[in-house]
Amino acid sequence: MPGKSRVSIPGSEKALPAQARRVGTPEASSDVQVTLRLRPRTALTPHALMNAESAAPMTRAAFAQTYGANPEDLKQIEEFAHDHGLTVTQSSLERRTVVLSGPLEAVQEAFGVQLHLYALNGSEFRGRSGTISVPADLAGIIEGVFGLDDRPQASPQFRYAQPPGTAQPHTSQPDTAIVPAAANIAGFSPTTLAQAYAFPAAFDGSGQTVAIIELGGGYRKADLTTYFRELGIPAPKVGAVGVNGARNRPDGNPNSADGEVMLDIEVVGATAPGARIAVYFAPNTDAGFLNAVTQATHDHTRAPSVISISWGAPESQWTAQAMNAMSQAFLEAGMLGVSVLCAAGDNGSSDGVADQLAHADFPASSPYATGCGGTRLTLNGDAIGSETVWNNPGHGATGGGVSAVFPLPTYQTGAGVPPSVNPGGAGGRGVPDVSGVADPQTGYRVRVDGVDTVIGGTSAVAPLWAGLVARLNQARGQAGAAPLGFLNPRLYALAQAGHITRDIVQGDNGAYAAGPGWDACTGLGSPDGEALLAALES
């Protein structure tokens, strides 16, 4: 009830961008939707997952019984909603998620915030500053409150080799590779890259589902049909899943988020043609992003074994509660045997922040995600000729560095993660873990909104590795083994024992340089699928 003592939600502090300009206040009667993340019934214990080279995954039903939210906590949230004139529009014990909606005034009173409209870079958003508070009796129940602020939370990590509007008309025959956007732009079909990176040829990802998280854009079936026909392989089985009211919504502009969506689907579909693909479309907010991940993780129907995420932002642009909630969601995925691959960023060691400091990109910097960095690749025929760190002035550079938020995880002990180059030289989680070709000048041939073009960025590396993991999971399933799940402890242990990746030793991303072994540009290196499969089997 109003008048109760209140407590701030830890980590909910949020600041407005310096360039944001207040332009008004939403109408008092306007409806606001808020996502609450509740505490687990039993405290999550990540130690076994972080330290073990393999951990038997839980079933989703067993996880819900042990680590889902407590029904009594949900009852208290329902009472809180009733007291403040809010409606419970969705709840999930296993996802520990409750979605509330109600008029602006009621939401502001319930969570102790003031919401205003702001203008930034030509668009408007509903924003807040300061902390979020709740009645003291709910402080131990609610771990995070998301969606009050609806500014865009993340950006897609892809780059065109050249503006897609200048792409050339496509003239290839059904049994030939897709033609790049322009003759002077070197690009590869994903099938060529799968061969060059020695993806196990005996497996195609059959029996696996790859989840792709998208925060905008959409795909057109006609483009996928044409693209895969011209690659000479069957089009993948693709399904769209709406989250928080979002849906598959292509806008017909190749320069939009459609480029991200098509890149992700086409890379996964070409590198794991036997796998099913589920695309989870969510609003580009902290609530939408989190809900997409938890919905994919706990999806009993599609049961993905891999999640590919090509959206992110510098750690400094996230609230602590959002990073904690997302990281916990990735931990849950690992406990369920689901691998999470995240793009490491396309703006070098600064991650696009203009403060002369190095920044890691989140969610790739989560210790429970496998961060994917970028390289520049040349081929001699079907074989790799050279591969260096992607750092191409005017065309971006791979993200990577040392987290300012997460400490060094156990699996990176002995990997040689350096202290941060920032003043004070603090230690932390090293990013990325693995890499693959990302330079748009040696990028991926794709089709977006009827246009054949070439795209790069670490956005392409996450689905590339997702395709490889789908193949490896198929192989493991045929051998009676569990899916790989959380990759990092296993990858680092195998890397110490022998060759499982192509070590990238030349180049830098600004503040960090490549070298033998793990580095803050390309991690452990780019894929050697057959070597990784052999190491896993032995």
Protein backbone atom coordinates (compact mmCIF):
# COMPACT_ATOMS: atom_id res chain seq x y z
CA MET A 1 0.00 0.00 0.00
CA PRO A 2 1.15 3.61 -0.53
CA GLY A 3 2.88 4.91 2.57
CA LYS A 4 4.93 1.76 3.25
CA SER A 5 8.67 2.17 3.67
CA ARG A 6 10.49 1.70 0.42
CA VAL A 7 13.84 0.25 -0.64
CA SER A 8 15.83 0.94 -3.82
CA ILE A 9 16.47 -1.99 -6.14
CA PRO A 10 20.25 -2.62 -6.13
CA GLY A 11 21.85 -1.76 -9.46
CA SER A 12 18.82 0.13 -10.79
CA GLU A 13 20.65 3.47 -10.95
CA LYS A 14 20.30 4.92 -14.45
CA ALA A 15 21.53 8.18 -15.97
CA LEU A 16 20.23 9.97 -19.03
CA PRO A 17 22.53 10.47 -22.03
CA ALA A 18 24.23 13.85 -21.91
CA GLN A 19 22.74 14.75 -25.30
CA ALA A 20 19.16 13.83 -24.34
CA ARG A 21 16.73 16.74 -24.28
CA ARG A 22 13.50 16.62 -22.29
CA VAL A 23 10.56 17.34 -24.57
CA GLY A 24 7.56 16.46 -22.46
CA THR A 25 5.78 13.96 -20.24
CA PRO A 26 3.74 10.94 -21.37
CA GLU A 27 0.01 11.23 -20.86
CA ALA A 28 -0.99 10.15 -17.37
CA SER A 29 -3.42 7.60 -18.80
CA SER A 30 -0.90 6.06 -21.19
CA ASP A 31 -0.24 2.38 -20.53
CA VAL A 32 3.21 1.25 -19.38
CA GLN A 33 4.38 -2.38 -19.32
CA VAL A 34 6.99 -3.41 -16.75
CA THR A 35 8.89 -6.70 -16.37
CA LEU A 36 9.86 -7.92 -12.90
CA ARG A 37 12.57 -10.53 -12.41
CA LEU A 38 12.02 -12.50 -9.17
CA ARG A 39 14.45 -14.36 -6.95
CA PRO A 40 14.88 -18.12 -7.53
CA ARG A 41 13.34 -20.59 -5.12
CA THR A 42 16.82 -22.05 -4.57
CA ALA A 43 19.94 -19.92 -4.96
CA LEU A 44 21.72 -20.55 -8.26
CA THR A 45 25.15 -22.11 -7.74
CA PRO A 46 27.39 -21.41 -10.73
CA HIS A 47 30.56 -22.97 -9.34
CA ALA A 48 30.09 -26.43 -10.85
CA LEU A 49 29.19 -24.90 -14.21
CA MET A 50 32.18 -22.56 -14.16
CA ASN A 51 34.77 -25.10 -13.06
CA ALA A 52 33.72 -28.33 -14.73
CA GLU A 53 34.76 -29.23 -18.26
CA SER A 54 31.40 -30.91 -18.58
CA ALA A 55 28.23 -30.64 -16.54
CA ALA A 56 25.15 -32.77 -17.07
CA PRO A 57 22.31 -30.46 -18.11
CA MET A 58 19.07 -30.32 -16.16
CA THR A 59 15.73 -30.87 -17.80
CA ARG A 60 13.60 -27.77 -18.10
CA ALA A 61 10.97 -29.33 -15.84
CA ALA A 62 13.53 -30.16 -13.14
CA PHE A 63 15.01 -26.68 -13.38
CA ALA A 64 11.61 -25.07 -12.91
CA GLN A 65 10.96 -27.16 -9.80
CA THR A 66 14.34 -26.35 -8.24
CA TYR A 67 15.26 -22.86 -9.45
CA GLY A 68 12.00 -21.30 -10.57
CA ALA A 69 10.29 -18.54 -8.62
CA ASN A 70 8.40 -19.35 -5.46
CA PRO A 71 4.58 -19.33 -5.93
CA GLU A 72 4.26 -17.46 -2.62
CA ASP A 73 6.48 -14.70 -3.99
CA LEU A 74 4.23 -14.48 -7.04
CA LYS A 75 1.20 -14.05 -4.76
CA GLN A 76 2.88 -11.10 -3.05
CA ILE A 77 3.60 -9.51 -6.42
CA GLU A 78 -0.06 -9.95 -7.38
CA GLU A 79 -1.11 -8.21 -4.17
CA PHE A 80 1.35 -5.41 -4.83
CA ALA A 81 -0.08 -5.01 -8.35
CA HIS A 82 -3.63 -4.90 -7.01
CA ASP A 83 -2.72 -2.29 -4.38
CA HIS A 84 -1.32 0.00 -7.09
CA GLY A 85 -3.95 -0.52 -9.76
CA LEU A 86 -1.71 -2.62 -12.00
CA THR A 87 -2.58 -5.75 -13.96
CA VAL A 88 -0.57 -8.97 -14.14
CA THR A 89 -0.51 -9.58 -17.89
CA GLN A 90 1.99 -12.45 -17.88
CA SER A 91 3.83 -14.59 -15.34
CA SER A 92 6.22 -17.52 -15.50
CA LEU A 93 7.59 -19.29 -12.46
CA GLU A 94 10.35 -21.03 -14.42
CA ARG A 95 11.47 -17.79 -16.08
CA ARG A 96 11.05 -15.95 -12.75
CA THR A 97 9.24 -13.26 -14.71
CA VAL A 98 6.12 -11.21 -14.06
CA VAL A 99 4.87 -8.59 -16.50
CA LEU A 100 2.71 -5.80 -15.06
CA SER A 101 0.86 -3.09 -16.95
CA GLY A 102 -1.07 -0.04 -15.96
CA PRO A 103 -1.49 3.72 -16.34
CA LEU A 104 1.63 5.86 -16.20
CA GLU A 105 0.67 7.49 -12.88
CA ALA A 106 0.10 4.12 -11.22
CA VAL A 107 3.40 2.73 -12.51
CA GLN A 108 5.32 5.81 -11.33
CA GLU A 109 3.83 5.52 -7.86
CA ALA A 110 4.42 1.76 -7.67
CA PHE A 111 8.11 2.00 -8.50
CA GLY A 112 9.02 5.44 -7.15
CA VAL A 113 10.07 6.94 -10.49
CA GLN A 114 9.28 9.92 -12.70
CA LEU A 115 9.06 9.19 -16.42
CA HIS A 116 9.47 11.86 -19.08
CA LEU A 117 9.85 12.03 -22.85
CA TYR A 118 13.28 12.81 -24.24
CA ALA A 119 14.65 13.50 -27.71
CA LEU A 120 17.96 11.98 -28.79
CA ASN A 121 19.45 11.60 -32.27
CA GLY A 122 16.18 12.41 -33.98
CA SER A 123 13.99 10.02 -32.02
CA GLU A 124 12.00 10.13 -28.80
CA PHE A 125 11.99 7.74 -25.86
CA ARG A 126 10.41 7.43 -22.45
CA GLY A 127 13.18 7.74 -19.89
CA ARG A 128 14.05 7.93 -16.24
CA SER A 129 17.04 8.71 -14.05
CA GLY A 130 17.98 7.69 -10.55
CA THR A 131 16.91 4.45 -8.87
CA ILE A 132 13.79 2.29 -8.79
CA SER A 133 12.20 1.58 -5.41
CA VAL A 134 9.65 -0.94 -4.14
CA PRO A 135 7.98 -1.56 -0.77
CA ALA A 136 10.47 -2.96 1.72
CA ASP A 137 8.63 -6.29 2.04
CA LEU A 138 9.32 -6.94 -1.67
CA ALA A 139 12.98 -5.93 -1.65
CA GLY A 140 14.23 -9.49 -1.25
CA ILE A 141 11.77 -10.85 -3.83
CA ILE A 142 12.30 -8.51 -6.77
CA GLU A 143 15.79 -8.72 -8.30
CA GLY A 144 15.16 -6.27 -11.12
CA VAL A 145 12.55 -4.00 -12.73
CA PHE A 146 12.78 -3.47 -16.50
CA GLY A 147 10.90 -1.59 -19.21
CA LEU A 148 10.18 1.69 -17.40
CA ASP A 149 12.74 3.28 -19.68
CA ASP A 150 12.13 2.33 -23.31
CA ARG A 151 15.22 3.84 -24.97
CA PRO A 152 17.00 1.43 -27.36
CA GLN A 153 19.23 -0.82 -25.27
CA ALA A 154 21.48 -2.41 -27.90
CA SER A 155 22.73 -2.09 -31.45
CA PRO A 156 23.20 -4.78 -34.09
CA GLN A 157 26.88 -5.61 -34.59
CA PHE A 158 26.99 -5.77 -38.39
CA ARG A 159 28.55 -3.64 -41.13
CA TYR A 160 27.99 -3.52 -44.88
CA ALA A 161 30.96 -3.79 -47.19
CA GLN A 162 29.37 -0.90 -49.08
CA PRO A 163 25.94 0.78 -49.00
CA PRO A 164 23.46 -1.94 -50.00
CA GLY A 165 21.64 0.40 -52.34
CA THR A 166 24.65 0.14 -54.66
CA ALA A 167 24.51 -3.65 -54.87
CA GLN A 168 24.51 -5.12 -58.35
CA PRO A 169 21.54 -7.08 -59.74
CA HIS A 170 21.87 -10.78 -59.04
CA THR A 171 22.44 -12.91 -62.14
CA SER A 172 23.82 -16.23 -60.88
CA GLN A 173 22.25 -19.58 -61.67
CA PRO A 174 20.70 -21.83 -59.00
CA ASP A 175 23.79 -24.03 -58.73
CA THR A 176 26.31 -21.18 -58.34
CA ALA A 177 27.42 -19.11 -55.39
CA ILE A 178 25.89 -15.72 -54.74
CA VAL A 179 27.68 -12.86 -56.48
CA PRO A 180 29.14 -10.20 -54.15
CA ALA A 181 27.71 -6.68 -54.18
CA ALA A 182 30.59 -5.31 -56.24
CA ALA A 183 33.52 -6.85 -58.04
CA ASN A 184 36.10 -5.15 -55.83
CA ILE A 185 34.52 -6.46 -52.59
CA ALA A 186 35.72 -9.90 -51.58
CA GLY A 187 32.97 -11.90 -49.98
CA PHE A 188 32.36 -15.53 -49.10
CA SER A 189 29.27 -17.66 -48.97
CA PRO A 190 28.76 -19.16 -45.50
CA THR A 191 29.04 -22.64 -47.03
CA THR A 192 32.53 -21.78 -48.27
CA LEU A 193 33.48 -20.56 -44.81
CA ALA A 194 32.13 -23.73 -43.18
CA GLN A 195 34.41 -25.73 -45.46
CA ALA A 196 37.42 -23.48 -44.86
CA TYR A 197 36.89 -23.67 -41.10
CA ALA A 198 36.62 -27.48 -41.31
CA PHE A 199 33.09 -27.77 -39.97
CA PRO A 200 32.53 -31.54 -39.56
CA ALA A 201 31.21 -32.61 -42.97
CA ALA A 202 29.43 -35.69 -41.61
CA PHE A 203 26.98 -33.52 -39.66
CA ASP A 204 24.57 -30.74 -40.64
CA GLY A 205 22.88 -29.82 -37.36
CA SER A 206 19.92 -32.15 -37.80
CA GLY A 207 17.86 -32.59 -34.66
CA GLN A 208 19.02 -29.24 -33.23
CA THR A 209 17.22 -25.92 -32.88
CA VAL A 210 19.18 -22.67 -33.00
CA ALA A 211 17.53 -19.68 -31.34
CA ILE A 212 18.32 -16.23 -32.75
CA ILE A 213 17.55 -13.10 -30.71
CA GLU A 214 16.46 -10.05 -32.73
CA LEU A 215 15.52 -6.60 -31.43
CA GLY A 216 14.09 -5.21 -34.65
CA GLY A 217 13.71 -5.87 -38.36
CA GLY A 218 12.45 -9.00 -40.00
CA TYR A 219 12.84 -11.51 -42.79
CA ARG A 220 10.94 -12.35 -45.95
CA LYS A 221 10.45 -15.97 -46.91
CA ALA A 222 10.91 -15.15 -50.59
CA ASP A 223 14.44 -13.85 -49.91
CA LEU A 224 15.34 -16.98 -47.98
CA THR A 225 13.95 -19.22 -50.71
CA THR A 226 16.00 -17.43 -53.37
CA TYR A 227 19.16 -17.30 -51.27
CA PHE A 228 19.28 -20.97 -50.39
CA ARG A 229 18.19 -22.09 -53.85
CA GLU A 230 21.17 -20.27 -55.26
CA LEU A 231 23.46 -21.84 -52.66
CA GLY A 232 22.17 -25.19 -53.81
CA ILE A 233 20.93 -26.32 -50.40
CA PRO A 234 17.41 -26.63 -48.96
CA ALA A 235 16.03 -23.59 -47.19
CA PRO A 236 16.05 -24.06 -43.41
CA LYS A 237 12.90 -24.46 -41.37
CA VAL A 238 12.47 -21.00 -39.82
CA GLY A 239 9.86 -19.88 -37.31
CA ALA A 240 9.22 -16.45 -35.79
CA VAL A 241 8.40 -16.13 -32.08
CA GLY A 242 6.96 -12.86 -30.80
CA VAL A 243 8.08 -11.47 -27.43
CA ASN A 244 6.41 -8.53 -25.64
CA GLY A 245 4.25 -7.74 -28.66
CA ALA A 246 7.09 -7.64 -31.21
CA ARG A 247 6.96 -9.72 -34.40
CA ASN A 248 8.69 -10.45 -37.66
CA ARG A 249 8.40 -7.04 -39.31
CA PRO A 250 10.69 -6.47 -42.31
CA ASP A 251 10.53 -2.87 -43.47
CA GLY A 252 11.98 -3.44 -46.94
CA ASN A 253 15.05 -1.28 -46.29
CA PRO A 254 18.36 -3.18 -46.47
CA ASN A 255 19.97 -0.46 -44.34
CA SER A 256 17.68 -1.28 -41.42
CA ALA A 257 17.78 -4.08 -38.83
CA ASP A 258 16.56 -6.35 -41.65
CA GLY A 259 20.25 -6.71 -42.51
CA GLU A 260 20.94 -8.18 -39.08
CA VAL A 261 18.02 -10.58 -39.19
CA MET A 262 18.82 -11.89 -42.68
CA LEU A 263 22.54 -12.22 -41.90
CA ASP A 264 21.82 -14.28 -38.80
CA ILE A 265 19.32 -16.61 -40.45
CA GLU A 266 21.34 -17.09 -43.62
CA VAL A 267 24.60 -17.83 -41.80
CA VAL A 268 23.00 -20.35 -39.45
CA GLY A 269 20.94 -21.87 -42.24
CA ALA A 270 23.97 -22.31 -44.50
CA THR A 271 26.39 -23.60 -41.85
CA ALA A 272 23.90 -25.94 -40.14
CA PRO A 273 21.38 -26.65 -42.91
CA GLY A 274 19.74 -29.49 -41.01
CA ALA A 275 18.93 -27.42 -37.94
CA ARG A 276 15.67 -25.67 -37.23
CA ILE A 277 15.84 -21.92 -36.60
CA ALA A 278 13.63 -20.06 -34.14
CA VAL A 279 13.85 -16.26 -34.35
CA TYR A 280 12.71 -14.49 -31.17
CA PHE A 281 11.63 -10.93 -32.01
CA ALA A 282 11.50 -8.53 -29.06
CA PRO A 283 11.40 -4.74 -28.52
CA ASN A 284 14.84 -3.13 -28.29
CA THR A 285 14.64 -2.36 -24.57
CA ASP A 286 16.26 -3.89 -21.51
CA ALA A 287 12.98 -5.70 -20.80
CA GLY A 288 12.55 -6.95 -24.36
CA PHE A 289 16.12 -8.21 -24.61
CA LEU A 290 15.93 -10.06 -21.29
CA ASN A 291 12.51 -11.56 -22.02
CA ALA A 292 13.65 -12.82 -25.42
CA VAL A 293 16.59 -14.64 -23.84
CA THR A 294 14.58 -16.18 -21.01
CA GLN A 295 11.78 -17.21 -23.38
CA ALA A 296 14.25 -18.92 -25.71
CA THR A 297 16.07 -20.59 -22.82
CA HIS A 298 12.92 -22.01 -21.28
CA ASP A 299 11.05 -22.80 -24.50
CA HIS A 300 9.74 -26.34 -24.00
CA THR A 301 8.26 -26.51 -27.49
CA ARG A 302 11.32 -25.62 -29.58
CA ALA A 303 13.94 -26.52 -26.95
CA PRO A 304 16.91 -24.76 -28.57
CA SER A 305 20.39 -26.07 -27.76
CA VAL A 306 22.11 -22.90 -29.04
CA ILE A 307 21.28 -19.18 -28.72
CA SER A 308 22.90 -16.68 -31.11
CA ILE A 309 22.94 -12.99 -30.11
CA SER A 310 24.31 -10.30 -32.43
CA TRP A 311 23.14 -7.24 -30.48
CA GLY A 312 25.05 -5.47 -27.74
CA ALA A 313 26.29 -2.21 -26.23
CA PRO A 314 29.21 -1.03 -24.08
CA GLU A 315 29.01 -2.16 -20.46
CA SER A 316 28.81 1.51 -19.44
CA GLN A 317 25.43 1.81 -21.19
CA TRP A 318 23.76 -0.89 -19.09
CA THR A 319 22.41 -0.78 -15.57
CA ALA A 320 23.97 -3.19 -13.12
CA GLN A 321 20.58 -4.87 -12.59
CA ALA A 322 20.20 -5.48 -16.33
CA MET A 323 23.67 -7.01 -16.68
CA ASN A 324 23.10 -9.17 -13.64
CA ALA A 325 19.70 -10.39 -14.87
CA MET A 326 21.00 -11.16 -18.36
CA SER A 327 24.05 -12.93 -16.96
CA GLN A 328 21.83 -14.99 -14.69
CA ALA A 329 19.70 -15.91 -17.71
CA PHE A 330 22.84 -17.14 -19.49
CA LEU A 331 23.78 -19.14 -16.39
CA GLU A 332 20.36 -20.77 -16.50
CA ALA A 333 20.87 -21.56 -20.18
CA GLY A 334 24.16 -23.28 -19.40
CA MET A 335 22.54 -25.34 -16.64
CA LEU A 336 19.95 -26.48 -19.21
CA GLY A 337 22.61 -27.46 -21.76
CA VAL A 338 22.10 -24.41 -23.98
CA SER A 339 25.14 -22.64 -25.49
CA VAL A 340 25.01 -18.83 -25.75
CA LEU A 341 27.12 -17.08 -28.44
CA CYS A 342 27.38 -13.27 -28.39
CA ALA A 343 28.97 -10.78 -30.81
CA ALA A 344 31.88 -8.90 -29.19
CA GLY A 345 31.39 -5.55 -30.96
CA ASP A 346 32.52 -3.77 -34.13
CA ASN A 347 34.21 -0.64 -32.80
CA GLY A 348 37.57 -1.87 -31.58
CA SER A 349 38.77 -1.65 -27.99
CA SER A 350 36.84 1.59 -27.37
CA ASP A 351 33.53 -0.11 -28.27
CA GLY A 352 32.50 3.22 -29.78
CA VAL A 353 32.66 5.21 -26.52
CA ALA A 354 34.39 8.57 -27.03
CA ASP A 355 36.14 8.86 -23.66
CA GLN A 356 39.62 7.63 -24.64
CA LEU A 357 39.14 4.49 -22.52
CA ALA A 358 38.78 0.84 -23.42
CA HIS A 359 35.33 -0.75 -23.06
CA ALA A 360 34.03 -4.30 -23.30
CA ASP A 361 30.73 -5.01 -25.05
CA PHE A 362 27.85 -6.62 -23.16
CA PRO A 363 26.35 -9.24 -23.26
CA ALA A 364 29.54 -10.76 -24.75
CA SER A 365 31.37 -9.82 -21.54
CA SER A 366 29.07 -11.96 -19.40
CA PRO A 367 31.11 -14.80 -17.89
CA TYR A 368 28.34 -17.20 -18.94
CA ALA A 369 28.38 -16.22 -22.62
CA THR A 370 30.86 -17.18 -25.33
CA GLY A 371 32.07 -13.87 -26.78
CA CYS A 372 32.76 -13.89 -30.53
CA GLY A 373 35.43 -11.57 -31.96
CA GLY A 374 36.37 -10.81 -35.56
CA THR A 375 39.14 -11.51 -38.07
CA ARG A 376 40.09 -10.59 -41.62
CA LEU A 377 40.35 -13.66 -43.85
CA THR A 378 41.81 -14.55 -47.23
CA LEU A 379 41.44 -17.91 -48.96
CA ASN A 380 43.69 -19.72 -51.40
CA GLY A 381 41.14 -21.80 -53.21
CA ASP A 382 39.20 -23.54 -50.45
CA ALA A 383 42.00 -23.24 -47.89
CA ILE A 384 42.75 -20.39 -45.53
CA GLY A 385 45.58 -18.24 -46.85
CA SER A 386 45.86 -15.76 -44.00
CA GLU A 387 43.82 -14.66 -41.03
CA THR A 388 44.55 -11.61 -38.89
CA VAL A 389 42.73 -9.41 -36.40
CA TRP A 390 39.93 -7.41 -38.00
CA ASN A 391 40.98 -3.76 -37.77
CA ASN A 392 40.21 -2.02 -41.04
CA PRO A 393 40.12 1.82 -40.86
CA GLY A 394 36.79 3.01 -42.18
CA HIS A 395 35.30 -0.46 -41.94
CA GLY A 396 35.43 -1.18 -38.21
CA ALA A 397 37.44 -3.37 -35.87
CA THR A 398 36.69 -6.25 -33.57
CA GLY A 399 35.67 -5.54 -30.03
CA GLY A 400 37.55 -7.11 -27.17
CA GLY A 401 39.24 -6.27 -23.92
CA VAL A 402 38.81 -6.65 -20.19
CA SER A 403 35.46 -6.30 -18.44
CA ALA A 404 35.07 -3.47 -15.95
CA VAL A 405 32.14 -5.31 -14.35
CA PHE A 406 32.84 -9.05 -14.18
CA PRO A 407 35.89 -10.55 -12.43
CA LEU A 408 38.18 -13.07 -14.09
CA PRO A 409 36.25 -16.35 -14.30
CA THR A 410 37.83 -19.58 -13.16
CA TYR A 411 38.05 -21.01 -16.66
CA GLN A 412 40.28 -18.10 -17.77
CA THR A 413 42.80 -18.65 -15.00
CA GLY A 414 46.09 -19.30 -16.76
CA ALA A 415 44.81 -18.05 -20.13
CA GLY A 416 46.95 -14.93 -19.93
CA VAL A 417 44.20 -12.31 -19.67
CA PRO A 418 46.07 -9.02 -19.10
CA PRO A 419 44.99 -6.25 -16.74
CA SER A 420 42.87 -3.55 -18.31
CA VAL A 421 44.74 -0.85 -20.22
CA ASN A 422 42.59 1.73 -18.43
CA PRO A 423 44.06 3.72 -15.51
CA GLY A 424 44.43 1.46 -12.50
CA GLY A 425 44.95 -1.66 -14.62
CA ALA A 426 42.16 -3.66 -12.99
CA GLY A 427 41.73 -7.34 -13.76
CA GLY A 428 38.53 -8.82 -15.14
CA ARG A 429 36.82 -11.17 -17.52
CA GLY A 430 38.63 -11.28 -20.86
CA VAL A 431 36.66 -10.84 -24.10
CA PRO A 432 36.28 -12.47 -26.62
CA ASP A 433 36.54 -16.24 -26.22
CA VAL A 434 36.61 -17.22 -29.91
CA SER A 435 36.54 -15.49 -33.28
CA GLY A 436 35.82 -15.81 -36.99
CA VAL A 437 35.87 -13.72 -40.13
CA ALA A 438 34.11 -10.37 -39.59
CA ASP A 439 35.83 -7.74 -41.77
CA PRO A 440 33.08 -6.59 -44.17
CA GLN A 441 35.72 -6.33 -46.90
CA THR A 442 36.12 -10.12 -46.58
CA GLY A 443 32.57 -10.67 -45.40
CA TYR A 444 29.53 -12.83 -45.96
CA ARG A 445 27.43 -12.92 -49.11
CA VAL A 446 23.82 -12.47 -48.09
CA ARG A 447 20.47 -11.40 -49.46
CA VAL A 448 18.52 -8.62 -47.73
CA ASP A 449 15.19 -7.22 -48.93
CA GLY A 450 15.76 -8.43 -52.46
CA VAL A 451 19.36 -7.16 -52.63
CA ASP A 452 22.48 -9.32 -52.81
CA THR A 453 25.26 -7.75 -50.81
CA VAL A 454 28.21 -8.42 -48.50
CA ILE A 455 27.98 -7.97 -44.72
CA GLY A 456 30.56 -8.31 -41.98
CA GLY A 457 30.84 -7.55 -38.30
CA THR A 458 30.99 -9.76 -35.26
CA SER A 459 27.24 -10.15 -35.82
CA ALA A 460 28.21 -12.77 -38.37
CA VAL A 461 30.57 -14.61 -36.03
CA ALA A 462 27.97 -15.49 -33.40
CA PRO A 463 25.71 -17.33 -35.90
CA LEU A 464 28.80 -18.86 -37.56
CA TRP A 465 29.82 -20.46 -34.27
CA ALA A 466 26.17 -21.30 -33.53
CA GLY A 467 26.10 -23.32 -36.74
CA LEU A 468 29.26 -25.18 -35.69
CA VAL A 469 27.87 -25.89 -32.22
CA ALA A 470 24.67 -27.27 -33.77
CA ARG A 471 26.76 -29.71 -35.82
CA LEU A 472 28.80 -30.71 -32.77
CA ASN A 473 25.64 -31.23 -30.71
CA GLN A 474 24.26 -33.48 -33.45
CA ALA A 475 27.46 -35.54 -33.34
CA ARG A 476 27.30 -35.74 -29.56
CA GLY A 477 23.66 -36.79 -29.66
CA GLN A 478 24.43 -39.65 -32.03
CA ALA A 479 27.15 -40.77 -29.61
CA GLY A 480 24.75 -40.64 -26.67
CA ALA A 481 26.34 -37.53 -25.14
CA ALA A 482 24.62 -34.39 -23.87
CA PRO A 483 24.71 -31.11 -25.82
CA LEU A 484 27.73 -28.94 -25.17
CA GLY A 485 25.87 -26.34 -23.13
CA PHE A 486 28.09 -23.69 -21.56
CA LEU A 487 31.12 -23.79 -23.84
CA ASN A 488 33.80 -21.78 -22.12
CA PRO A 489 35.15 -24.12 -19.42
CA ARG A 490 35.43 -26.92 -21.97
CA LEU A 491 36.99 -24.70 -24.66
CA TYR A 492 39.69 -23.30 -22.38
CA ALA A 493 40.52 -26.72 -20.95
CA LEU A 494 40.80 -28.29 -24.42
CA ALA A 495 42.86 -25.35 -25.68
CA GLN A 496 45.41 -25.97 -22.93
CA ALA A 497 45.58 -29.63 -23.90
CA GLY A 498 46.01 -29.15 -27.64
CA HIS A 499 44.94 -27.56 -30.92
CA ILE A 500 41.19 -26.91 -31.23
CA THR A 501 41.16 -23.50 -32.98
CA ARG A 502 43.22 -21.49 -35.43
CA ASP A 503 45.38 -19.20 -33.32
CA ILE A 504 45.37 -15.61 -34.63
CA VAL A 505 48.67 -13.91 -33.79
CA GLN A 506 48.80 -10.77 -35.96
CA GLY A 507 47.02 -7.45 -35.58
CA ASP A 508 45.35 -5.37 -32.89
CA ASN A 509 42.00 -3.78 -32.12
CA GLY A 510 43.40 -0.52 -30.82
CA ALA A 511 44.47 -0.97 -27.22
CA TYR A 512 45.06 -4.73 -27.34
CA ALA A 513 47.29 -6.80 -29.63
CA ALA A 514 47.05 -10.38 -30.80
CA GLY A 515 49.66 -12.96 -29.88
CA PRO A 516 50.11 -16.70 -29.30
CA GLY A 517 47.32 -18.23 -27.23
CA TRP A 518 44.35 -16.26 -25.94
CA ASP A 519 44.27 -12.54 -26.67
CA ALA A 520 41.80 -9.69 -26.22
CA CYS A 521 41.20 -9.40 -29.98
CA THR A 522 40.35 -12.92 -31.16
CA GLY A 523 40.22 -14.98 -27.96
CA LEU A 524 41.36 -18.57 -28.47
CA GLY A 525 41.09 -18.17 -32.24
CA SER A 526 38.84 -19.02 -35.19
CA PRO A 527 37.14 -22.37 -35.79
CA ASP A 528 38.83 -25.65 -36.61
CA GLY A 529 35.69 -27.74 -36.48
CA GLU A 530 37.21 -31.17 -37.12
CA ALA A 531 39.92 -30.60 -34.51
CA LEU A 532 37.35 -29.47 -31.95
CA LEU A 533 35.14 -32.48 -32.67
CA ALA A 534 38.08 -34.86 -32.31
CA ALA A 535 39.10 -33.25 -29.01
CA LEU A 536 35.56 -33.52 -27.69
CA GLU A 537 35.32 -37.17 -28.71
CA SER A 538 38.61 -38.03 -27.05
